[in-house]
Amino acid sequence: MLVLGRKKGETIIVNDDIEITVTSIEGDMVRIGINAPKQVTIHRKEVYLEIQEENKQATSNVINLSDFLSMRKK
């Protein structure tokens, strides 16, 4: 992991097209702004992990089409 020190208003460039700027620092809270192309998805880690878990559950609940049709006939 790369760890960088930044002050309010300072920016980090990632991969030539993503800018991460420290917008404010209040106590132990740091606010950042991210400027990235629209095709780049950005999530907080806890949200990303929830999405991954929901996707995992959705794919594990897939049933066979013939099983579904036989359930409907009953």
PDB file of N, CA and C in Angstrom:
ATOM      1  N   MET A   1       0.854  -1.174   0.000  1.00  0.00           N
ATOM      2  CA  MET A   1       0.000   0.000   0.000  1.00  0.00           C
ATOM      3  C   MET A   1       0.895   1.231   0.000  1.00  0.00           C
ATOM      4  N   LEU A   2       0.579   2.151  -0.878  1.00  0.00           N
ATOM      5  CA  LEU A   2       1.274   3.434  -0.913  1.00  0.00           C
ATOM      6  C   LEU A   2       0.564   4.385   0.032  1.00  0.00           C
ATOM      7  N   VAL A   3       1.298   5.001   0.930  1.00  0.00           N
ATOM      8  CA  VAL A   3       0.724   5.957   1.875  1.00  0.00           C
ATOM      9  C   VAL A   3       1.336   7.322   1.579  1.00  0.00           C
ATOM     10  N   LEU A   4       0.473   8.310   1.304  1.00  0.00           N
ATOM     11  CA  LEU A   4       0.927   9.658   0.993  1.00  0.00           C
ATOM     12  C   LEU A   4       0.341  10.650   1.976  1.00  0.00           C
ATOM     13  N   GLY A   5       1.106  11.641   2.332  1.00  0.00           N
ATOM     14  CA  GLY A   5       0.592  12.734   3.149  1.00  0.00           C
ATOM     15  C   GLY A   5       0.122  13.850   2.219  1.00  0.00           C
ATOM     16  N   ARG A   6      -1.071  14.382   2.463  1.00  0.00           N
ATOM     17  CA  ARG A   6      -1.621  15.461   1.645  1.00  0.00           C
ATOM     18  C   ARG A   6      -2.254  16.483   2.563  1.00  0.00           C
ATOM     19  N   LYS A   7      -2.210  17.743   2.170  1.00  0.00           N
ATOM     20  CA  LYS A   7      -2.881  18.816   2.900  1.00  0.00           C
ATOM     21  C   LYS A   7      -4.154  19.184   2.157  1.00  0.00           C
ATOM     22  N   LYS A   8      -5.017  19.920   2.829  1.00  0.00           N
ATOM     23  CA  LYS A   8      -6.263  20.368   2.211  1.00  0.00           C
ATOM     24  C   LYS A   8      -5.956  21.070   0.880  1.00  0.00           C
ATOM     25  N   GLY A   9      -6.689  20.686  -0.157  1.00  0.00           N
ATOM     26  CA  GLY A   9      -6.518  21.270  -1.480  1.00  0.00           C
ATOM     27  C   GLY A   9      -5.499  20.561  -2.349  1.00  0.00           C
ATOM     28  N   GLU A  10      -4.709  19.668  -1.772  1.00  0.00           N
ATOM     29  CA  GLU A  10      -3.707  18.953  -2.561  1.00  0.00           C
ATOM     30  C   GLU A  10      -4.342  17.737  -3.236  1.00  0.00           C
ATOM     31  N   THR A  11      -3.765  17.361  -4.369  1.00  0.00           N
ATOM     32  CA  THR A  11      -4.354  16.330  -5.230  1.00  0.00           C
ATOM     33  C   THR A  11      -3.361  15.217  -5.508  1.00  0.00           C
ATOM     34  N   ILE A  12      -3.899  14.030  -5.739  1.00  0.00           N
ATOM     35  CA  ILE A  12      -3.131  12.861  -6.182  1.00  0.00           C
ATOM     36  C   ILE A  12      -3.695  12.463  -7.540  1.00  0.00           C
ATOM     37  N   ILE A  13      -2.829  12.148  -8.484  1.00  0.00           N
ATOM     38  CA  ILE A  13      -3.246  11.690  -9.809  1.00  0.00           C
ATOM     39  C   ILE A  13      -3.010  10.186  -9.894  1.00  0.00           C
ATOM     40  N   VAL A  14      -4.030   9.453 -10.365  1.00  0.00           N
ATOM     41  CA  VAL A  14      -3.927   8.005 -10.533  1.00  0.00           C
ATOM     42  C   VAL A  14      -4.179   7.688 -12.008  1.00  0.00           C
ATOM     43  N   ASN A  15      -3.241   6.994 -12.613  1.00  0.00           N
ATOM     44  CA  ASN A  15      -3.407   6.478 -13.974  1.00  0.00           C
ATOM     45  C   ASN A  15      -3.752   7.566 -14.996  1.00  0.00           C
ATOM     46  N   ASP A  16      -3.206   8.734 -14.864  1.00  0.00           N
ATOM     47  CA  ASP A  16      -3.368   9.854 -15.803  1.00  0.00           C
ATOM     48  C   ASP A  16      -4.774  10.437 -15.902  1.00  0.00           C
ATOM     49  N   ASP A  17      -5.818   9.764 -15.413  1.00  0.00           N
ATOM     50  CA  ASP A  17      -7.173  10.284 -15.626  1.00  0.00           C
ATOM     51  C   ASP A  17      -8.054  10.297 -14.380  1.00  0.00           C
ATOM     52  N   ILE A  18      -7.485  10.018 -13.230  1.00  0.00           N
ATOM     53  CA  ILE A  18      -8.244  10.058 -11.975  1.00  0.00           C
ATOM     54  C   ILE A  18      -7.542  11.005 -11.017  1.00  0.00           C
ATOM     55  N   GLU A  19      -8.277  12.002 -10.526  1.00  0.00           N
ATOM     56  CA  GLU A  19      -7.736  12.957  -9.559  1.00  0.00           C
ATOM     57  C   GLU A  19      -8.435  12.767  -8.223  1.00  0.00           C
ATOM     58  N   ILE A  20      -7.668  12.656  -7.163  1.00  0.00           N
ATOM     59  CA  ILE A  20      -8.200  12.542  -5.813  1.00  0.00           C
ATOM     60  C   ILE A  20      -7.707  13.762  -5.044  1.00  0.00           C
ATOM     61  N   THR A  21      -8.649  14.587  -4.567  1.00  0.00           N
ATOM     62  CA  THR A  21      -8.304  15.837  -3.900  1.00  0.00           C
ATOM     63  C   THR A  21      -8.817  15.829  -2.472  1.00  0.00           C
ATOM     64  N   VAL A  22      -7.976  16.238  -1.534  1.00  0.00           N
ATOM     65  CA  VAL A  22      -8.405  16.421  -0.149  1.00  0.00           C
ATOM     66  C   VAL A  22      -9.183  17.732  -0.107  1.00  0.00           C
ATOM     67  N   THR A  23     -10.487  17.648   0.199  1.00  0.00           N
ATOM     68  CA  THR A  23     -11.315  18.854   0.202  1.00  0.00           C
ATOM     69  C   THR A  23     -11.453  19.475   1.580  1.00  0.00           C
ATOM     70  N   SER A  24     -11.399  18.659   2.633  1.00  0.00           N
ATOM     71  CA  SER A  24     -11.439  19.214   3.981  1.00  0.00           C
ATOM     72  C   SER A  24     -10.927  18.189   4.988  1.00  0.00           C
ATOM     73  N   ILE A  25     -10.460  18.717   6.108  1.00  0.00           N
ATOM     74  CA  ILE A  25      -9.996  17.883   7.217  1.00  0.00           C
ATOM     75  C   ILE A  25     -10.611  18.460   8.478  1.00  0.00           C
ATOM     76  N   GLU A  26     -11.419  17.652   9.170  1.00  0.00           N
ATOM     77  CA  GLU A  26     -12.086  18.091  10.401  1.00  0.00           C
ATOM     78  C   GLU A  26     -11.901  17.008  11.452  1.00  0.00           C
ATOM     79  N   GLY A  27     -10.994  17.224  12.367  1.00  0.00           N
ATOM     80  CA  GLY A  27     -10.716  16.204  13.388  1.00  0.00           C
ATOM     81  C   GLY A  27     -10.143  14.963  12.730  1.00  0.00           C
ATOM     82  N   ASP A  28     -10.799  13.808  12.970  1.00  0.00           N
ATOM     83  CA  ASP A  28     -10.325  12.572  12.348  1.00  0.00           C
ATOM     84  C   ASP A  28     -11.072  12.242  11.058  1.00  0.00           C
ATOM     85  N   MET A  29     -11.852  13.211  10.548  1.00  0.00           N
ATOM     86  CA  MET A  29     -12.609  13.019   9.302  1.00  0.00           C
ATOM     87  C   MET A  29     -11.911  13.746   8.162  1.00  0.00           C
ATOM     88  N   VAL A  30     -11.628  13.032   7.092  1.00  0.00           N
ATOM     89  CA  VAL A  30     -11.036  13.614   5.890  1.00  0.00           C
ATOM     90  C   VAL A  30     -12.042  13.460   4.761  1.00  0.00           C
ATOM     91  N   ARG A  31     -12.360  14.557   4.094  1.00  0.00           N
ATOM     92  CA  ARG A  31     -13.247  14.500   2.933  1.00  0.00           C
ATOM     93  C   ARG A  31     -12.390  14.577   1.681  1.00  0.00           C
ATOM     94  N   ILE A  32     -12.689  13.687   0.732  1.00  0.00           N
ATOM     95  CA  ILE A  32     -11.956  13.700  -0.523  1.00  0.00           C
ATOM     96  C   ILE A  32     -12.926  13.862  -1.678  1.00  0.00           C
ATOM     97  N   GLY A  33     -12.446  14.463  -2.734  1.00  0.00           N
ATOM     98  CA  GLY A  33     -13.194  14.560  -3.974  1.00  0.00           C
ATOM     99  C   GLY A  33     -12.487  13.718  -5.010  1.00  0.00           C
ATOM    100  N   ILE A  34     -13.273  13.007  -5.830  1.00  0.00           N
ATOM    101  CA  ILE A  34     -12.690  12.146  -6.852  1.00  0.00           C
ATOM    102  C   ILE A  34     -13.232  12.576  -8.202  1.00  0.00           C
ATOM    103  N   ASN A  35     -12.338  12.894  -9.109  1.00  0.00           N
ATOM    104  CA  ASN A  35     -12.696  13.260 -10.467  1.00  0.00           C
ATOM    105  C   ASN A  35     -12.173  12.147 -11.369  1.00  0.00           C
ATOM    106  N   ALA A  36     -13.110  11.391 -11.973  1.00  0.00           N
ATOM    107  CA  ALA A  36     -12.727  10.238 -12.785  1.00  0.00           C
ATOM    108  C   ALA A  36     -13.666  10.131 -13.984  1.00  0.00           C
ATOM    109  N   PRO A  37     -13.245   9.417 -15.027  1.00  0.00           N
ATOM    110  CA  PRO A  37     -14.127   9.205 -16.172  1.00  0.00           C
ATOM    111  C   PRO A  37     -15.416   8.500 -15.742  1.00  0.00           C
ATOM    112  N   LYS A  38     -16.497   8.752 -16.479  1.00  0.00           N
ATOM    113  CA  LYS A  38     -17.803   8.185 -16.116  1.00  0.00           C
ATOM    114  C   LYS A  38     -17.808   6.663 -16.083  1.00  0.00           C
ATOM    115  N   GLN A  39     -16.972   6.022 -16.885  1.00  0.00           N
ATOM    116  CA  GLN A  39     -16.973   4.553 -16.931  1.00  0.00           C
ATOM    117  C   GLN A  39     -16.273   3.925 -15.722  1.00  0.00           C
ATOM    118  N   VAL A  40     -15.649   4.733 -14.890  1.00  0.00           N
ATOM    119  CA  VAL A  40     -14.984   4.232 -13.683  1.00  0.00           C
ATOM    120  C   VAL A  40     -15.992   4.245 -12.541  1.00  0.00           C
ATOM    121  N   THR A  41     -16.267   3.081 -11.975  1.00  0.00           N
ATOM    122  CA  THR A  41     -17.179   3.019 -10.831  1.00  0.00           C
ATOM    123  C   THR A  41     -16.392   3.250  -9.552  1.00  0.00           C
ATOM    124  N   ILE A  42     -16.994   4.033  -8.663  1.00  0.00           N
ATOM    125  CA  ILE A  42     -16.345   4.371  -7.402  1.00  0.00           C
ATOM    126  C   ILE A  42     -17.344   4.124  -6.273  1.00  0.00           C
ATOM    127  N   HIS A  43     -16.943   3.315  -5.297  1.00  0.00           N
ATOM    128  CA  HIS A  43     -17.791   3.012  -4.142  1.00  0.00           C
ATOM    129  C   HIS A  43     -16.952   3.096  -2.874  1.00  0.00           C
ATOM    130  N   ARG A  44     -17.605   3.426  -1.767  1.00  0.00           N
ATOM    131  CA  ARG A  44     -16.950   3.223  -0.476  1.00  0.00           C
ATOM    132  C   ARG A  44     -16.773   1.717  -0.306  1.00  0.00           C
ATOM    133  N   LYS A  45     -15.730   1.301   0.392  1.00  0.00           N
ATOM    134  CA  LYS A  45     -15.426  -0.127   0.491  1.00  0.00           C
ATOM    135  C   LYS A  45     -16.585  -0.922   1.075  1.00  0.00           C
ATOM    136  N   GLU A  46     -17.246  -0.385   2.133  1.00  0.00           N
ATOM    137  CA  GLU A  46     -18.340  -1.148   2.747  1.00  0.00           C
ATOM    138  C   GLU A  46     -19.508  -1.328   1.777  1.00  0.00           C
ATOM    139  N   VAL A  47     -19.758  -0.357   0.935  1.00  0.00           N
ATOM    140  CA  VAL A  47     -20.814  -0.477  -0.079  1.00  0.00           C
ATOM    141  C   VAL A  47     -20.394  -1.490  -1.141  1.00  0.00           C
ATOM    142  N   TYR A  48     -19.148  -1.412  -1.570  1.00  0.00           N
ATOM    143  CA  TYR A  48     -18.624  -2.353  -2.564  1.00  0.00           C
ATOM    144  C   TYR A  48     -18.753  -3.797  -2.074  1.00  0.00           C
ATOM    145  N   LEU A  49     -18.401  -4.035  -0.811  1.00  0.00           N
ATOM    146  CA  LEU A  49     -18.490  -5.390  -0.262  1.00  0.00           C
ATOM    147  C   LEU A  49     -19.939  -5.871  -0.197  1.00  0.00           C
ATOM    148  N   GLU A  50     -20.880  -4.971   0.125  1.00  0.00           N
ATOM    149  CA  GLU A  50     -22.305  -5.338   0.130  1.00  0.00           C
ATOM    150  C   GLU A  50     -22.772  -5.705  -1.272  1.00  0.00           C
ATOM    151  N   ILE A  51     -22.366  -4.947  -2.250  1.00  0.00           N
ATOM    152  CA  ILE A  51     -22.735  -5.237  -3.639  1.00  0.00           C
ATOM    153  C   ILE A  51     -22.196  -6.601  -4.050  1.00  0.00           C
ATOM    154  N   GLN A  52     -20.941  -6.876  -3.710  1.00  0.00           N
ATOM    155  CA  GLN A  52     -20.345  -8.166  -4.047  1.00  0.00           C
ATOM    156  C   GLN A  52     -21.105  -9.316  -3.388  1.00  0.00           C
ATOM    157  N   GLU A  53     -21.488  -9.140  -2.124  1.00  0.00           N
ATOM    158  CA  GLU A  53     -22.224 -10.188  -1.407  1.00  0.00           C
ATOM    159  C   GLU A  53     -23.602 -10.407  -2.036  1.00  0.00           C
ATOM    160  N   GLU A  54     -24.298  -9.325  -2.374  1.00  0.00           N
ATOM    161  CA  GLU A  54     -25.605  -9.463  -3.010  1.00  0.00           C
ATOM    162  C   GLU A  54     -25.491 -10.137  -4.368  1.00  0.00           C
ATOM    163  N   ASN A  55     -24.464  -9.801  -5.129  1.00  0.00           N
ATOM    164  CA  ASN A  55     -24.255 -10.455  -6.426  1.00  0.00           C
ATOM    165  C   ASN A  55     -23.964 -11.939  -6.243  1.00  0.00           C
ATOM    166  N   LYS A  56     -23.188 -12.262  -5.229  1.00  0.00           N
ATOM    167  CA  LYS A  56     -22.868 -13.664  -4.941  1.00  0.00           C
ATOM    168  C   LYS A  56     -24.141 -14.441  -4.574  1.00  0.00           C
ATOM    169  N   GLN A  57     -24.989 -13.832  -3.722  1.00  0.00           N
ATOM    170  CA  GLN A  57     -26.231 -14.490  -3.335  1.00  0.00           C
ATOM    171  C   GLN A  57     -27.176 -14.633  -4.515  1.00  0.00           C
ATOM    172  N   ALA A  58     -27.229 -13.631  -5.372  1.00  0.00           N
ATOM    173  CA  ALA A  58     -28.123 -13.678  -6.530  1.00  0.00           C
ATOM    174  C   ALA A  58     -27.726 -14.802  -7.476  1.00  0.00           C
ATOM    175  N   THR A  59     -26.436 -15.007  -7.679  1.00  0.00           N
ATOM    176  CA  THR A  59     -26.006 -16.073  -8.583  1.00  0.00           C
ATOM    177  C   THR A  59     -26.160 -17.449  -7.952  1.00  0.00           C
ATOM    178  N   SER A  60     -26.113 -17.528  -6.622  1.00  0.00           N
ATOM    179  CA  SER A  60     -26.280 -18.827  -5.977  1.00  0.00           C
ATOM    180  C   SER A  60     -27.752 -19.236  -5.907  1.00  0.00           C
ATOM    181  N   ASN A  61     -28.672 -18.303  -6.139  1.00  0.00           N
ATOM    182  CA  ASN A  61     -30.104 -18.599  -6.104  1.00  0.00           C
ATOM    183  C   ASN A  61     -30.677 -18.916  -7.478  1.00  0.00           C
ATOM    184  N   VAL A  62     -29.814 -19.076  -8.476  1.00  0.00           N
ATOM    185  CA  VAL A  62     -30.276 -19.384  -9.826  1.00  0.00           C
ATOM    186  C   VAL A  62     -30.770 -20.831  -9.834  1.00  0.00           C
ATOM    187  N   ILE A  63     -31.958 -21.045 -10.411  1.00  0.00           N
ATOM    188  CA  ILE A  63     -32.474 -22.409 -10.501  1.00  0.00           C
ATOM    189  C   ILE A  63     -32.546 -22.822 -11.963  1.00  0.00           C
ATOM    190  N   ASN A  64     -32.547 -24.093 -12.174  1.00  0.00           N
ATOM    191  CA  ASN A  64     -32.636 -24.664 -13.506  1.00  0.00           C
ATOM    192  C   ASN A  64     -34.008 -24.352 -14.095  1.00  0.00           C
ATOM    193  N   LEU A  65     -34.082 -24.027 -15.387  1.00  0.00           N
ATOM    194  CA  LEU A  65     -35.337 -23.677 -16.037  1.00  0.00           C
ATOM    195  C   LEU A  65     -36.345 -24.820 -15.959  1.00  0.00           C
ATOM    196  N   SER A  66     -35.911 -26.048 -16.160  1.00  0.00           N
ATOM    197  CA  SER A  66     -36.843 -27.175 -16.091  1.00  0.00           C
ATOM    198  C   SER A  66     -37.385 -27.361 -14.673  1.00  0.00           C
ATOM    199  N   ASP A  67     -36.555 -27.100 -13.659  1.00  0.00           N
ATOM    200  CA  ASP A  67     -37.029 -27.150 -12.273  1.00  0.00           C
ATOM    201  C   ASP A  67     -38.085 -26.070 -12.030  1.00  0.00           C
ATOM    202  N   PHE A  68     -37.849 -24.901 -12.562  1.00  0.00           N
ATOM    203  CA  PHE A  68     -38.804 -23.805 -12.412  1.00  0.00           C
ATOM    204  C   PHE A  68     -40.134 -24.146 -13.082  1.00  0.00           C
ATOM    205  N   LEU A  69     -40.077 -24.687 -14.281  1.00  0.00           N
ATOM    206  CA  LEU A  69     -41.323 -25.042 -14.988  1.00  0.00           C
ATOM    207  C   LEU A  69     -42.075 -26.153 -14.273  1.00  0.00           C
ATOM    208  N   SER A  70     -41.339 -27.114 -13.722  1.00  0.00           N
ATOM    209  CA  SER A  70     -42.021 -28.197 -12.995  1.00  0.00           C
ATOM    210  C   SER A  70     -42.644 -27.678 -11.707  1.00  0.00           C
ATOM    211  N   MET A  71     -42.046 -26.678 -11.083  1.00  0.00           N
ATOM    212  CA  MET A  71     -42.617 -26.077  -9.873  1.00  0.00           C
ATOM    213  C   MET A  71     -43.901 -25.336 -10.218  1.00  0.00           C
ATOM    214  N   ARG A  72     -43.962 -24.715 -11.359  1.00  0.00           N
ATOM    215  CA  ARG A  72     -45.140 -23.965 -11.775  1.00  0.00           C
ATOM    216  C   ARG A  72     -46.308 -24.885 -12.080  1.00  0.00           C
ATOM    217  N   LYS A  73     -46.045 -26.105 -12.529  1.00  0.00           N
ATOM    218  CA  LYS A  73     -47.108 -27.052 -12.892  1.00  0.00           C
ATOM    219  C   LYS A  73     -47.810 -27.591 -11.659  1.00  0.00           C
ATOM    220  N   LYS A  74     -47.151 -27.573 -10.521  1.00  0.00           N
ATOM    221  CA  LYS A  74     -47.730 -28.148  -9.301  1.00  0.00           C
ATOM    222  C   LYS A  74     -48.786 -27.287  -8.710  1.00  0.00           C
TER     223      LYS A  74
END
